[in-house]
Every structure is written in C-alpha cells, then in structure tokens.
Amino acid sequence: MTFENGWTISVQFGYGNYCSNRNHPDGWYASKDVEYFSCPDAEIAIWDSFGEHYNFGHDTVKDYCSTDEVAEWITKVSHPEFGSTK
C-alpha cells in the first residue's frame, strides 16, 4: 500500500513470512480453501519513494505483528509527516 506521502507498507502473512504461517505444512502449495489464508499476525516492511527501507531498530522487517499493531503502523505510515524525523 503506497500512500500520498510516498511511503509504502507491505503486510504479508503467508508461508515463508515472519508470522504464524511461516512453516505451514502445505507451504507454497496451499489450496485456497485452507485456513492458511488467515493468520493472527503478519510481517511488515516499510520503504520510502526512493526504495530506502525503514529500520525498526534491529531489522527492516518487523515480524509477528498483531492485527492491532499492523493497523497502528498503517496509520503511522499514512500520516503526511511520517519519516520526517528519520
């Protein structure tokens, strides 16, 4: 999701991502009718319009974010002044 301020947030919760589905037994071949397509948490990554990734202090990917935390980050990133104190 890219916002008017030029920042993008990626939210992923599939096999191989840093979430509860990371090691799902169906892996890349999960059918669309399995519980795999929902997850209690997700990984996020954020970058600016130049492709420079936001650093969460230890990495450029924030792992195992709760749904509330994902919503909070979407709100933060969408703010016009996000990253101005970067």
PDB file of N, CA and C in Angstrom:
ATOM      1  N   MET A   1       0.856  -1.163   0.000  1.00  0.00           N
ATOM      2  CA  MET A   1       0.000   0.000   0.000  1.00  0.00           C
ATOM      3  C   MET A   1       0.905   1.229   0.000  1.00  0.00           C
ATOM      4  N   THR A   2       0.770   2.063  -1.025  1.00  0.00           N
ATOM      5  CA  THR A   2       1.565   3.286  -1.098  1.00  0.00           C
ATOM      6  C   THR A   2       0.657   4.475  -0.831  1.00  0.00           C
ATOM      7  N   PHE A   3       1.102   5.354   0.052  1.00  0.00           N
ATOM      8  CA  PHE A   3       0.307   6.495   0.467  1.00  0.00           C
ATOM      9  C   PHE A   3       0.737   7.766  -0.255  1.00  0.00           C
ATOM     10  N   GLU A   4      -0.075   8.798  -0.160  1.00  0.00           N
ATOM     11  CA  GLU A   4       0.202  10.065  -0.830  1.00  0.00           C
ATOM     12  C   GLU A   4       1.534  10.675  -0.401  1.00  0.00           C
ATOM     13  N   ASN A   5       2.003  10.353   0.797  1.00  0.00           N
ATOM     14  CA  ASN A   5       3.269  10.897   1.287  1.00  0.00           C
ATOM     15  C   ASN A   5       4.486  10.180   0.686  1.00  0.00           C
ATOM     16  N   GLY A   6       4.238   9.181  -0.178  1.00  0.00           N
ATOM     17  CA  GLY A   6       5.324   8.465  -0.848  1.00  0.00           C
ATOM     18  C   GLY A   6       5.818   7.228  -0.131  1.00  0.00           C
ATOM     19  N   TRP A   7       5.323   6.955   1.065  1.00  0.00           N
ATOM     20  CA  TRP A   7       5.744   5.785   1.826  1.00  0.00           C
ATOM     21  C   TRP A   7       4.862   4.588   1.478  1.00  0.00           C
ATOM     22  N   THR A   8       5.469   3.406   1.505  1.00  0.00           N
ATOM     23  CA  THR A   8       4.777   2.156   1.209  1.00  0.00           C
ATOM     24  C   THR A   8       4.899   1.221   2.402  1.00  0.00           C
ATOM     25  N   ILE A   9       3.822   0.503   2.685  1.00  0.00           N
ATOM     26  CA  ILE A   9       3.870  -0.551   3.700  1.00  0.00           C
ATOM     27  C   ILE A   9       3.443  -1.862   3.043  1.00  0.00           C
ATOM     28  N   SER A  10       4.201  -2.903   3.323  1.00  0.00           N
ATOM     29  CA  SER A  10       3.891  -4.244   2.856  1.00  0.00           C
ATOM     30  C   SER A  10       3.468  -5.061   4.066  1.00  0.00           C
ATOM     31  N   VAL A  11       2.362  -5.776   3.945  1.00  0.00           N
ATOM     32  CA  VAL A  11       1.857  -6.651   5.007  1.00  0.00           C
ATOM     33  C   VAL A  11       1.732  -8.045   4.409  1.00  0.00           C
ATOM     34  N   GLN A  12       2.439  -9.015   4.995  1.00  0.00           N
ATOM     35  CA  GLN A  12       2.410 -10.376   4.460  1.00  0.00           C
ATOM     36  C   GLN A  12       2.245 -11.385   5.588  1.00  0.00           C
ATOM     37  N   PHE A  13       1.499 -12.442   5.285  1.00  0.00           N
ATOM     38  CA  PHE A  13       1.292 -13.469   6.319  1.00  0.00           C
ATOM     39  C   PHE A  13       1.234 -14.866   5.735  1.00  0.00           C
ATOM     40  N   GLY A  14       1.930 -15.097   4.646  1.00  0.00           N
ATOM     41  CA  GLY A  14       1.940 -16.414   4.027  1.00  0.00           C
ATOM     42  C   GLY A  14       3.168 -17.220   4.390  1.00  0.00           C
ATOM     43  N   TYR A  15       3.238 -18.394   3.799  1.00  0.00           N
ATOM     44  CA  TYR A  15       4.356 -19.309   4.015  1.00  0.00           C
ATOM     45  C   TYR A  15       5.683 -18.595   3.753  1.00  0.00           C
ATOM     46  N   GLY A  16       6.619 -18.759   4.656  1.00  0.00           N
ATOM     47  CA  GLY A  16       7.940 -18.169   4.497  1.00  0.00           C
ATOM     48  C   GLY A  16       8.061 -16.777   5.072  1.00  0.00           C
ATOM     49  N   ASN A  17       6.939 -16.137   5.411  1.00  0.00           N
ATOM     50  CA  ASN A  17       6.982 -14.816   6.025  1.00  0.00           C
ATOM     51  C   ASN A  17       7.090 -14.969   7.533  1.00  0.00           C
ATOM     52  N   TYR A  18       7.521 -13.924   8.195  1.00  0.00           N
ATOM     53  CA  TYR A  18       7.702 -13.959   9.643  1.00  0.00           C
ATOM     54  C   TYR A  18       6.356 -13.791  10.350  1.00  0.00           C
ATOM     55  N   CYS A  19       5.608 -14.913  10.394  1.00  0.00           N
ATOM     56  CA  CYS A  19       4.287 -14.950  11.005  1.00  0.00           C
ATOM     57  C   CYS A  19       3.989 -16.398  11.405  1.00  0.00           C
ATOM     58  N   SER A  20       2.825 -16.603  11.980  1.00  0.00           N
ATOM     59  CA  SER A  20       2.457 -17.955  12.422  1.00  0.00           C
ATOM     60  C   SER A  20       2.356 -18.956  11.273  1.00  0.00           C
ATOM     61  N   ASN A  21       2.150 -18.494  10.056  1.00  0.00           N
ATOM     62  CA  ASN A  21       2.076 -19.381   8.890  1.00  0.00           C
ATOM     63  C   ASN A  21       3.445 -19.684   8.296  1.00  0.00           C
ATOM     64  N   ARG A  22       4.507 -19.203   8.897  1.00  0.00           N
ATOM     65  CA  ARG A  22       5.856 -19.310   8.334  1.00  0.00           C
ATOM     66  C   ARG A  22       6.207 -20.720   7.869  1.00  0.00           C
ATOM     67  N   ASN A  23       5.868 -21.712   8.664  1.00  0.00           N
ATOM     68  CA  ASN A  23       6.222 -23.096   8.347  1.00  0.00           C
ATOM     69  C   ASN A  23       4.984 -23.962   8.121  1.00  0.00           C
ATOM     70  N   HIS A  24       3.937 -23.373   7.549  1.00  0.00           N
ATOM     71  CA  HIS A  24       2.695 -24.107   7.297  1.00  0.00           C
ATOM     72  C   HIS A  24       3.015 -25.383   6.510  1.00  0.00           C
ATOM     73  N   PRO A  25       2.449 -26.524   6.892  1.00  0.00           N
ATOM     74  CA  PRO A  25       2.791 -27.787   6.234  1.00  0.00           C
ATOM     75  C   PRO A  25       2.463 -27.833   4.740  1.00  0.00           C
ATOM     76  N   ASP A  26       1.513 -27.026   4.269  1.00  0.00           N
ATOM     77  CA  ASP A  26       1.182 -27.012   2.842  1.00  0.00           C
ATOM     78  C   ASP A  26       2.107 -26.100   2.041  1.00  0.00           C
ATOM     79  N   GLY A  27       2.882 -25.286   2.744  1.00  0.00           N
ATOM     80  CA  GLY A  27       3.863 -24.428   2.092  1.00  0.00           C
ATOM     81  C   GLY A  27       3.314 -23.611   0.939  1.00  0.00           C
ATOM     82  N   TRP A  28       4.101 -23.487  -0.109  1.00  0.00           N
ATOM     83  CA  TRP A  28       3.725 -22.694  -1.279  1.00  0.00           C
ATOM     84  C   TRP A  28       2.523 -23.284  -2.006  1.00  0.00           C
ATOM     85  N   TYR A  29       2.207 -24.538  -1.726  1.00  0.00           N
ATOM     86  CA  TYR A  29       1.173 -25.229  -2.483  1.00  0.00           C
ATOM     87  C   TYR A  29      -0.174 -25.281  -1.766  1.00  0.00           C
ATOM     88  N   ALA A  30      -0.362 -24.426  -0.781  1.00  0.00           N
ATOM     89  CA  ALA A  30      -1.619 -24.427  -0.033  1.00  0.00           C
ATOM     90  C   ALA A  30      -2.783 -24.099  -0.961  1.00  0.00           C
ATOM     91  N   SER A  31      -3.853 -24.851  -0.819  1.00  0.00           N
ATOM     92  CA  SER A  31      -5.031 -24.564  -1.637  1.00  0.00           C
ATOM     93  C   SER A  31      -5.781 -23.391  -1.025  1.00  0.00           C
ATOM     94  N   LYS A  32      -6.609 -22.746  -1.809  1.00  0.00           N
ATOM     95  CA  LYS A  32      -7.301 -21.545  -1.352  1.00  0.00           C
ATOM     96  C   LYS A  32      -8.386 -21.821  -0.327  1.00  0.00           C
ATOM     97  N   ASP A  33      -8.696 -23.071  -0.073  1.00  0.00           N
ATOM     98  CA  ASP A  33      -9.764 -23.367   0.873  1.00  0.00           C
ATOM     99  C   ASP A  33      -9.250 -23.761   2.260  1.00  0.00           C
ATOM    100  N   VAL A  34      -7.976 -23.577   2.524  1.00  0.00           N
ATOM    101  CA  VAL A  34      -7.437 -23.928   3.838  1.00  0.00           C
ATOM    102  C   VAL A  34      -7.312 -22.696   4.716  1.00  0.00           C
ATOM    103  N   GLU A  35      -7.171 -22.933   5.996  1.00  0.00           N
ATOM    104  CA  GLU A  35      -7.056 -21.854   6.975  1.00  0.00           C
ATOM    105  C   GLU A  35      -5.807 -21.005   6.784  1.00  0.00           C
ATOM    106  N   TYR A  36      -4.947 -21.436   5.924  1.00  0.00           N
ATOM    107  CA  TYR A  36      -3.694 -20.751   5.639  1.00  0.00           C
ATOM    108  C   TYR A  36      -3.897 -19.294   5.221  1.00  0.00           C
ATOM    109  N   PHE A  37      -5.057 -18.978   4.690  1.00  0.00           N
ATOM    110  CA  PHE A  37      -5.294 -17.635   4.189  1.00  0.00           C
ATOM    111  C   PHE A  37      -5.850 -16.695   5.241  1.00  0.00           C
ATOM    112  N   SER A  38      -5.691 -17.056   6.477  1.00  0.00           N
ATOM    113  CA  SER A  38      -5.915 -16.140   7.587  1.00  0.00           C
ATOM    114  C   SER A  38      -4.786 -16.396   8.575  1.00  0.00           C
ATOM    115  N   CYS A  39      -4.514 -15.416   9.406  1.00  0.00           N
ATOM    116  CA  CYS A  39      -3.390 -15.547  10.334  1.00  0.00           C
ATOM    117  C   CYS A  39      -3.560 -14.515  11.442  1.00  0.00           C
ATOM    118  N   PRO A  40      -3.192 -14.839  12.665  1.00  0.00           N
ATOM    119  CA  PRO A  40      -3.335 -13.876  13.761  1.00  0.00           C
ATOM    120  C   PRO A  40      -2.251 -12.797  13.770  1.00  0.00           C
ATOM    121  N   ASP A  41      -1.231 -12.946  12.912  1.00  0.00           N
ATOM    122  CA  ASP A  41      -0.139 -11.977  12.892  1.00  0.00           C
ATOM    123  C   ASP A  41       0.456 -11.897  11.491  1.00  0.00           C
ATOM    124  N   ALA A  42       1.346 -10.942  11.293  1.00  0.00           N
ATOM    125  CA  ALA A  42       1.923 -10.730   9.960  1.00  0.00           C
ATOM    126  C   ALA A  42       3.279 -10.051  10.100  1.00  0.00           C
ATOM    127  N   GLU A  43       4.041 -10.077   9.001  1.00  0.00           N
ATOM    128  CA  GLU A  43       5.264  -9.290   8.952  1.00  0.00           C
ATOM    129  C   GLU A  43       4.972  -8.020   8.164  1.00  0.00           C
ATOM    130  N   ILE A  44       5.684  -6.951   8.512  1.00  0.00           N
ATOM    131  CA  ILE A  44       5.539  -5.714   7.750  1.00  0.00           C
ATOM    132  C   ILE A  44       6.912  -5.202   7.345  1.00  0.00           C
ATOM    133  N   ALA A  45       6.939  -4.490   6.236  1.00  0.00           N
ATOM    134  CA  ALA A  45       8.119  -3.770   5.781  1.00  0.00           C
ATOM    135  C   ALA A  45       7.623  -2.419   5.271  1.00  0.00           C
ATOM    136  N   ILE A  46       8.445  -1.403   5.426  1.00  0.00           N
ATOM    137  CA  ILE A  46       8.070  -0.039   5.045  1.00  0.00           C
ATOM    138  C   ILE A  46       9.234   0.569   4.281  1.00  0.00           C
ATOM    139  N   TRP A  47       8.946   1.282   3.187  1.00  0.00           N
ATOM    140  CA  TRP A  47      10.009   1.979   2.459  1.00  0.00           C
ATOM    141  C   TRP A  47       9.480   3.274   1.872  1.00  0.00           C
ATOM    142  N   ASP A  48      10.425   4.176   1.599  1.00  0.00           N
ATOM    143  CA  ASP A  48      10.061   5.478   1.051  1.00  0.00           C
ATOM    144  C   ASP A  48      10.039   5.445  -0.474  1.00  0.00           C
ATOM    145  N   SER A  49       9.773   6.583  -1.079  1.00  0.00           N
ATOM    146  CA  SER A  49       9.637   6.653  -2.540  1.00  0.00           C
ATOM    147  C   SER A  49      10.946   6.409  -3.277  1.00  0.00           C
ATOM    148  N   PHE A  50      12.069   6.411  -2.550  1.00  0.00           N
ATOM    149  CA  PHE A  50      13.372   6.115  -3.151  1.00  0.00           C
ATOM    150  C   PHE A  50      13.779   4.658  -2.949  1.00  0.00           C
ATOM    151  N   GLY A  51      12.921   3.878  -2.288  1.00  0.00           N
ATOM    152  CA  GLY A  51      13.203   2.473  -2.034  1.00  0.00           C
ATOM    153  C   GLY A  51      14.031   2.223  -0.793  1.00  0.00           C
ATOM    154  N   GLU A  52      14.258   3.278  -0.001  1.00  0.00           N
ATOM    155  CA  GLU A  52      15.023   3.111   1.237  1.00  0.00           C
ATOM    156  C   GLU A  52      14.107   2.573   2.327  1.00  0.00           C
ATOM    157  N   HIS A  53      14.501   1.435   2.899  1.00  0.00           N
ATOM    158  CA  HIS A  53      13.669   0.773   3.901  1.00  0.00           C
ATOM    159  C   HIS A  53      13.760   1.433   5.271  1.00  0.00           C
ATOM    160  N   TYR A  54      12.618   1.472   5.934  1.00  0.00           N
ATOM    161  CA  TYR A  54      12.531   1.943   7.311  1.00  0.00           C
ATOM    162  C   TYR A  54      13.193   0.894   8.200  1.00  0.00           C
ATOM    163  N   ASN A  55      13.961   1.333   9.179  1.00  0.00           N
ATOM    164  CA  ASN A  55      14.618   0.414  10.093  1.00  0.00           C
ATOM    165  C   ASN A  55      13.874   0.417  11.422  1.00  0.00           C
ATOM    166  N   PHE A  56      13.432  -0.739  11.835  1.00  0.00           N
ATOM    167  CA  PHE A  56      12.680  -0.867  13.089  1.00  0.00           C
ATOM    168  C   PHE A  56      13.592  -0.949  14.310  1.00  0.00           C
ATOM    169  N   GLY A  57      14.863  -0.686  14.129  1.00  0.00           N
ATOM    170  CA  GLY A  57      15.820  -0.706  15.228  1.00  0.00           C
ATOM    171  C   GLY A  57      16.727  -1.912  15.203  1.00  0.00           C
ATOM    172  N   HIS A  58      16.240  -3.005  14.639  1.00  0.00           N
ATOM    173  CA  HIS A  58      17.035  -4.230  14.571  1.00  0.00           C
ATOM    174  C   HIS A  58      17.003  -4.859  13.187  1.00  0.00           C
ATOM    175  N   ASP A  59      16.053  -4.416  12.361  1.00  0.00           N
ATOM    176  CA  ASP A  59      15.879  -5.015  11.035  1.00  0.00           C
ATOM    177  C   ASP A  59      14.958  -4.122  10.212  1.00  0.00           C
ATOM    178  N   THR A  60      14.877  -4.390   8.930  1.00  0.00           N
ATOM    179  CA  THR A  60      13.969  -3.642   8.065  1.00  0.00           C
ATOM    180  C   THR A  60      12.646  -4.376   7.862  1.00  0.00           C
ATOM    181  N   VAL A  61      12.479  -5.510   8.535  1.00  0.00           N
ATOM    182  CA  VAL A  61      11.211  -6.236   8.560  1.00  0.00           C
ATOM    183  C   VAL A  61      10.817  -6.401  10.013  1.00  0.00           C
ATOM    184  N   LYS A  62       9.561  -6.092  10.322  1.00  0.00           N
ATOM    185  CA  LYS A  62       9.057  -6.279  11.690  1.00  0.00           C
ATOM    186  C   LYS A  62       8.195  -7.532  11.675  1.00  0.00           C
ATOM    187  N   ASP A  63       8.580  -8.489  12.502  1.00  0.00           N
ATOM    188  CA  ASP A  63       7.932  -9.804  12.471  1.00  0.00           C
ATOM    189  C   ASP A  63       6.830  -9.972  13.501  1.00  0.00           C
ATOM    190  N   TYR A  64       5.948 -10.928  13.228  1.00  0.00           N
ATOM    191  CA  TYR A  64       4.890 -11.371  14.134  1.00  0.00           C
ATOM    192  C   TYR A  64       4.092 -10.212  14.725  1.00  0.00           C
ATOM    193  N   CYS A  65       3.671  -9.265  13.895  1.00  0.00           N
ATOM    194  CA  CYS A  65       2.860  -8.126  14.339  1.00  0.00           C
ATOM    195  C   CYS A  65       1.404  -8.568  14.504  1.00  0.00           C
ATOM    196  N   SER A  66       0.808  -8.182  15.600  1.00  0.00           N
ATOM    197  CA  SER A  66      -0.615  -8.475  15.805  1.00  0.00           C
ATOM    198  C   SER A  66      -1.444  -7.635  14.833  1.00  0.00           C
ATOM    199  N   THR A  67      -2.725  -7.972  14.695  1.00  0.00           N
ATOM    200  CA  THR A  67      -3.586  -7.196  13.801  1.00  0.00           C
ATOM    201  C   THR A  67      -3.677  -5.743  14.254  1.00  0.00           C
ATOM    202  N   ASP A  68      -3.726  -5.512  15.556  1.00  0.00           N
ATOM    203  CA  ASP A  68      -3.773  -4.138  16.065  1.00  0.00           C
ATOM    204  C   ASP A  68      -2.478  -3.393  15.737  1.00  0.00           C
ATOM    205  N   GLU A  69      -1.352  -4.078  15.852  1.00  0.00           N
ATOM    206  CA  GLU A  69      -0.068  -3.454  15.543  1.00  0.00           C
ATOM    207  C   GLU A  69       0.039  -3.118  14.049  1.00  0.00           C
ATOM    208  N   VAL A  70      -0.457  -4.006  13.184  1.00  0.00           N
ATOM    209  CA  VAL A  70      -0.464  -3.722  11.749  1.00  0.00           C
ATOM    210  C   VAL A  70      -1.303  -2.472  11.487  1.00  0.00           C
ATOM    211  N   ALA A  71      -2.476  -2.397  12.093  1.00  0.00           N
ATOM    212  CA  ALA A  71      -3.344  -1.231  11.916  1.00  0.00           C
ATOM    213  C   ALA A  71      -2.664   0.046  12.404  1.00  0.00           C
ATOM    214  N   GLU A  72      -1.964  -0.028  13.533  1.00  0.00           N
ATOM    215  CA  GLU A  72      -1.239   1.139  14.056  1.00  0.00           C
ATOM    216  C   GLU A  72      -0.158   1.598  13.083  1.00  0.00           C
ATOM    217  N   TRP A  73       0.591   0.655  12.508  1.00  0.00           N
ATOM    218  CA  TRP A  73       1.648   1.005  11.554  1.00  0.00           C
ATOM    219  C   TRP A  73       1.065   1.594  10.274  1.00  0.00           C
ATOM    220  N   ILE A  74      -0.057   1.071   9.806  1.00  0.00           N
ATOM    221  CA  ILE A  74      -0.696   1.637   8.616  1.00  0.00           C
ATOM    222  C   ILE A  74      -1.079   3.091   8.884  1.00  0.00           C
ATOM    223  N   THR A  75      -1.633   3.348  10.056  1.00  0.00           N
ATOM    224  CA  THR A  75      -1.995   4.717  10.429  1.00  0.00           C
ATOM    225  C   THR A  75      -0.766   5.614  10.492  1.00  0.00           C
ATOM    226  N   LYS A  76       0.307   5.143  11.128  1.00  0.00           N
ATOM    227  CA  LYS A  76       1.542   5.929  11.234  1.00  0.00           C
ATOM    228  C   LYS A  76       2.125   6.241   9.856  1.00  0.00           C
ATOM    229  N   VAL A  77       2.239   5.207   9.017  1.00  0.00           N
ATOM    230  CA  VAL A  77       2.872   5.368   7.705  1.00  0.00           C
ATOM    231  C   VAL A  77       2.058   6.289   6.800  1.00  0.00           C
ATOM    232  N   SER A  78       0.749   6.271   6.931  1.00  0.00           N
ATOM    233  CA  SER A  78      -0.105   7.098   6.079  1.00  0.00           C
ATOM    234  C   SER A  78      -0.080   8.576   6.469  1.00  0.00           C
ATOM    235  N   HIS A  79       0.412   8.888   7.641  1.00  0.00           N
ATOM    236  CA  HIS A  79       0.455  10.277   8.115  1.00  0.00           C
ATOM    237  C   HIS A  79       1.392  11.096   7.229  1.00  0.00           C
ATOM    238  N   PRO A  80       0.987  12.297   6.838  1.00  0.00           N
ATOM    239  CA  PRO A  80       1.816  13.118   5.940  1.00  0.00           C
ATOM    240  C   PRO A  80       3.239  13.368   6.417  1.00  0.00           C
ATOM    241  N   GLU A  81       3.459  13.375   7.719  1.00  0.00           N
ATOM    242  CA  GLU A  81       4.796  13.679   8.229  1.00  0.00           C
ATOM    243  C   GLU A  81       5.602  12.443   8.631  1.00  0.00           C
ATOM    244  N   PHE A  82       5.110  11.252   8.291  1.00  0.00           N
ATOM    245  CA  PHE A  82       5.854  10.038   8.637  1.00  0.00           C
ATOM    246  C   PHE A  82       7.250  10.091   8.002  1.00  0.00           C
ATOM    247  N   GLY A  83       8.245   9.758   8.776  1.00  0.00           N
ATOM    248  CA  GLY A  83       9.605   9.713   8.269  1.00  0.00           C
ATOM    249  C   GLY A  83      10.329  11.033   8.285  1.00  0.00           C
ATOM    250  N   SER A  84       9.651  12.120   8.639  1.00  0.00           N
ATOM    251  CA  SER A  84      10.317  13.423   8.614  1.00  0.00           C
ATOM    252  C   SER A  84      11.371  13.563   9.694  1.00  0.00           C
ATOM    253  N   THR A  85      11.306  12.719  10.716  1.00  0.00           N
ATOM    254  CA  THR A  85      12.321  12.751  11.775  1.00  0.00           C
ATOM    255  C   THR A  85      13.251  11.560  11.671  1.00  0.00           C
ATOM    256  N   LYS A  86      13.224  10.924  10.526  1.00  0.00           N
ATOM    257  CA  LYS A  86      14.009   9.708  10.291  1.00  0.00           C
ATOM    258  C   LYS A  86      15.501   9.959  10.429  1.00  0.00           C
TER     259      LYS A  86
END
